[in-house]
C-alpha atoms as a PDB file:
ATOM      1  CA  UNK A   1      28.354 -16.696 -29.045  1.00  0.00           C
ATOM      2  CA  UNK A   2      25.776 -15.130 -31.365  1.00  0.00           C
ATOM      3  CA  UNK A   3      23.110 -17.531 -30.120  1.00  0.00           C
ATOM      4  CA  UNK A   4      23.820 -16.544 -26.501  1.00  0.00           C
ATOM      5  CA  UNK A   5      23.502 -12.880 -27.431  1.00  0.00           C
ATOM      6  CA  UNK A   6      20.089 -13.486 -29.021  1.00  0.00           C
ATOM      7  CA  UNK A   7      18.919 -15.459 -25.996  1.00  0.00           C
ATOM      8  CA  UNK A   8      20.015 -12.628 -23.681  1.00  0.00           C
ATOM      9  CA  UNK A   9      18.429 -10.032 -25.973  1.00  0.00           C
ATOM     10  CA  UNK A  10      15.121 -11.945 -26.054  1.00  0.00           C
ATOM     11  CA  UNK A  11      15.076 -12.317 -22.252  1.00  0.00           C
ATOM     12  CA  UNK A  12      15.802  -8.598 -21.793  1.00  0.00           C
ATOM     13  CA  UNK A  13      13.003  -7.651 -24.204  1.00  0.00           C
ATOM     14  CA  UNK A  14      10.512  -9.883 -22.364  1.00  0.00           C
ATOM     15  CA  UNK A  15      11.505  -8.468 -18.989  1.00  0.00           C
ATOM     16  CA  UNK A  16      11.090  -4.917 -20.282  1.00  0.00           C
ATOM     17  CA  UNK A  17       7.653  -5.724 -21.708  1.00  0.00           C
ATOM     18  CA  UNK A  18       6.485  -7.047 -18.318  1.00  0.00           C
ATOM     19  CA  UNK A  19       7.934  -4.228 -16.243  1.00  0.00           C
ATOM     20  CA  UNK A  20       5.487  -2.079 -14.277  1.00  0.00           C
ATOM     21  CA  UNK A  21       1.772  -2.357 -13.763  1.00  0.00           C
ATOM     22  CA  UNK A  22      -0.931  -2.122 -16.389  1.00  0.00           C
ATOM     23  CA  UNK A  23      -3.800   0.336 -16.078  1.00  0.00           C
ATOM     24  CA  UNK A  24      -6.147  -2.388 -14.825  1.00  0.00           C
ATOM     25  CA  UNK A  25      -3.673  -3.306 -12.094  1.00  0.00           C
ATOM     26  CA  UNK A  26      -3.444   0.346 -11.020  1.00  0.00           C
ATOM     27  CA  UNK A  27      -7.237   0.487 -10.868  1.00  0.00           C
ATOM     28  CA  UNK A  28      -7.454  -2.655  -8.730  1.00  0.00           C
ATOM     29  CA  UNK A  29      -4.699  -1.377  -6.445  1.00  0.00           C
ATOM     30  CA  UNK A  30      -6.487   1.945  -6.031  1.00  0.00           C
ATOM     31  CA  UNK A  31      -9.791   0.234  -5.236  1.00  0.00           C
ATOM     32  CA  UNK A  32      -8.093  -2.017  -2.683  1.00  0.00           C
ATOM     33  CA  UNK A  33      -6.369   0.972  -1.049  1.00  0.00           C
ATOM     34  CA  UNK A  34      -9.652   2.887  -0.851  1.00  0.00           C
ATOM     35  CA  UNK A  35     -11.397  -0.119   0.678  1.00  0.00           C
ATOM     36  CA  UNK A  36      -8.654  -0.492   3.286  1.00  0.00           C
ATOM     37  CA  UNK A  37      -8.838   3.238   4.059  1.00  0.00           C
ATOM     38  CA  UNK A  38     -12.623   3.019   4.533  1.00  0.00           C
ATOM     39  CA  UNK A  39     -12.301   0.095   6.946  1.00  0.00           C
ATOM     40  CA  UNK A  40      -9.512   1.839   8.853  1.00  0.00           C
ATOM     41  CA  UNK A  41     -11.604   5.026   9.087  1.00  0.00           C
ATOM     42  CA  UNK A  42     -14.562   3.097  10.489  1.00  0.00           C
ATOM     43  CA  UNK A  43     -12.361   1.385  13.081  1.00  0.00           C
ATOM     44  CA  UNK A  44     -10.646   4.594  14.187  1.00  0.00           C
ATOM     45  CA  UNK A  45     -13.910   6.545  14.447  1.00  0.00           C
ATOM     46  CA  UNK A  46     -15.702   3.804  16.409  1.00  0.00           C
ATOM     47  CA  UNK A  47     -16.613   4.654  19.996  1.00  0.00           C
ATOM     48  CA  UNK A  48     -14.206   2.232  21.638  1.00  0.00           C
ATOM     49  CA  UNK A  49     -11.121   3.222  19.646  1.00  0.00           C
ATOM     50  CA  UNK A  50     -11.997   6.915  19.774  1.00  0.00           C
ATOM     51  CA  UNK A  51     -12.342   6.773  23.560  1.00  0.00           C
ATOM     52  CA  UNK A  52      -9.038   4.934  23.898  1.00  0.00           C
ATOM     53  CA  UNK A  53      -7.245   7.468  21.699  1.00  0.00           C
ATOM     54  CA  UNK A  54      -8.715  10.371  23.662  1.00  0.00           C
ATOM     55  CA  UNK A  55      -7.613   8.716  26.904  1.00  0.00           C
ATOM     56  CA  UNK A  56      -4.053   8.231  25.644  1.00  0.00           C
ATOM     57  CA  UNK A  57      -3.827  11.801  24.356  1.00  0.00           C
ATOM     58  CA  UNK A  58      -5.327  13.184  27.574  1.00  0.00           C
ATOM     59  CA  UNK A  59      -2.834  11.275  29.728  1.00  0.00           C
ATOM     60  CA  UNK A  60       0.039  12.434  27.520  1.00  0.00           C
ATOM     61  CA  UNK A  61      -0.998  16.074  27.815  1.00  0.00           C
ATOM     62  CA  UNK A  62      -1.456  15.846  31.584  1.00  0.00           C
ATOM     63  CA  UNK A  63       1.878  14.110  32.182  1.00  0.00           C
ATOM     64  CA  UNK A  64       4.172  15.637  34.789  1.00  0.00           C
ATOM     65  CA  UNK A  65       7.731  16.351  33.654  1.00  0.00           C
END
Protein backbone atom coordinates (compact mmCIF):
# COMPACT_ATOMS: atom_id res chain seq x y z
CA UNK A 1 0.00 0.00 0.00
CA UNK A 2 2.77 2.45 0.91
CA UNK A 3 4.75 1.45 -2.16
CA UNK A 4 1.74 2.14 -4.41
CA UNK A 5 1.34 5.56 -2.83
CA UNK A 6 4.99 6.42 -3.54
CA UNK A 7 4.67 5.22 -7.12
CA UNK A 8 1.56 7.38 -7.61
CA UNK A 9 3.25 10.34 -5.91
CA UNK A 10 6.34 10.01 -8.13
CA UNK A 11 4.22 9.80 -11.30
CA UNK A 12 2.20 12.87 -10.26
CA UNK A 13 5.38 14.85 -9.56
CA UNK A 14 6.83 13.94 -12.97
CA UNK A 15 3.62 14.89 -14.76
CA UNK A 16 3.55 18.25 -12.97
CA UNK A 17 7.18 18.94 -13.88
CA UNK A 18 6.43 18.33 -17.58
CA UNK A 19 3.21 20.33 -17.69
CA UNK A 20 3.12 23.37 -19.97
CA UNK A 21 5.62 24.71 -22.44
CA UNK A 22 9.10 26.00 -21.71
CA UNK A 23 10.21 29.45 -22.81
CA UNK A 24 12.06 28.02 -25.82
CA UNK A 25 8.92 26.21 -26.94
CA UNK A 26 6.92 29.45 -26.67
CA UNK A 27 9.56 31.20 -28.77
CA UNK A 28 9.46 28.51 -31.46
CA UNK A 29 5.66 28.55 -31.47
CA UNK A 30 5.63 32.33 -31.84
CA UNK A 31 8.13 32.21 -34.71
CA UNK A 32 6.09 29.52 -36.47
CA UNK A 33 2.88 31.54 -36.04
CA UNK A 34 4.54 34.68 -37.42
CA UNK A 35 5.88 32.74 -40.40
CA UNK A 36 2.43 31.31 -41.12
CA UNK A 37 0.89 34.78 -40.82
CA UNK A 38 3.45 36.21 -43.27
CA UNK A 39 2.72 33.50 -45.84
CA UNK A 40 -1.03 33.94 -45.40
CA UNK A 41 -0.68 37.72 -45.82
CA UNK A 42 1.27 37.27 -49.05
CA UNK A 43 -1.33 34.86 -50.42
CA UNK A 44 -4.29 37.06 -49.51
CA UNK A 45 -2.70 40.22 -50.92
CA UNK A 46 -1.67 38.56 -54.20
CA UNK A 47 -3.43 39.82 -57.32
CA UNK A 48 -5.38 36.65 -58.02
CA UNK A 49 -6.77 36.18 -54.51
CA UNK A 50 -7.41 39.89 -54.06
CA UNK A 51 -9.38 40.02 -57.31
CA UNK A 52 -11.40 36.96 -56.33
CA UNK A 53 -12.22 38.42 -52.92
CA UNK A 54 -13.26 41.73 -54.47
CA UNK A 55 -15.47 39.86 -56.94
CA UNK A 56 -17.16 37.87 -54.17
CA UNK A 57 -17.72 40.96 -52.03
CA UNK A 58 -19.00 42.94 -55.03
CA UNK A 59 -21.49 40.21 -55.95
CA UNK A 60 -22.65 39.98 -52.33
CA UNK A 61 -23.25 43.72 -52.12
CA UNK A 62 -25.10 43.82 -55.44
CA UNK A 63 -27.33 40.84 -54.62
CA UNK A 64 -31.07 41.32 -55.07
CA UNK A 65 -33.23 40.42 -52.07
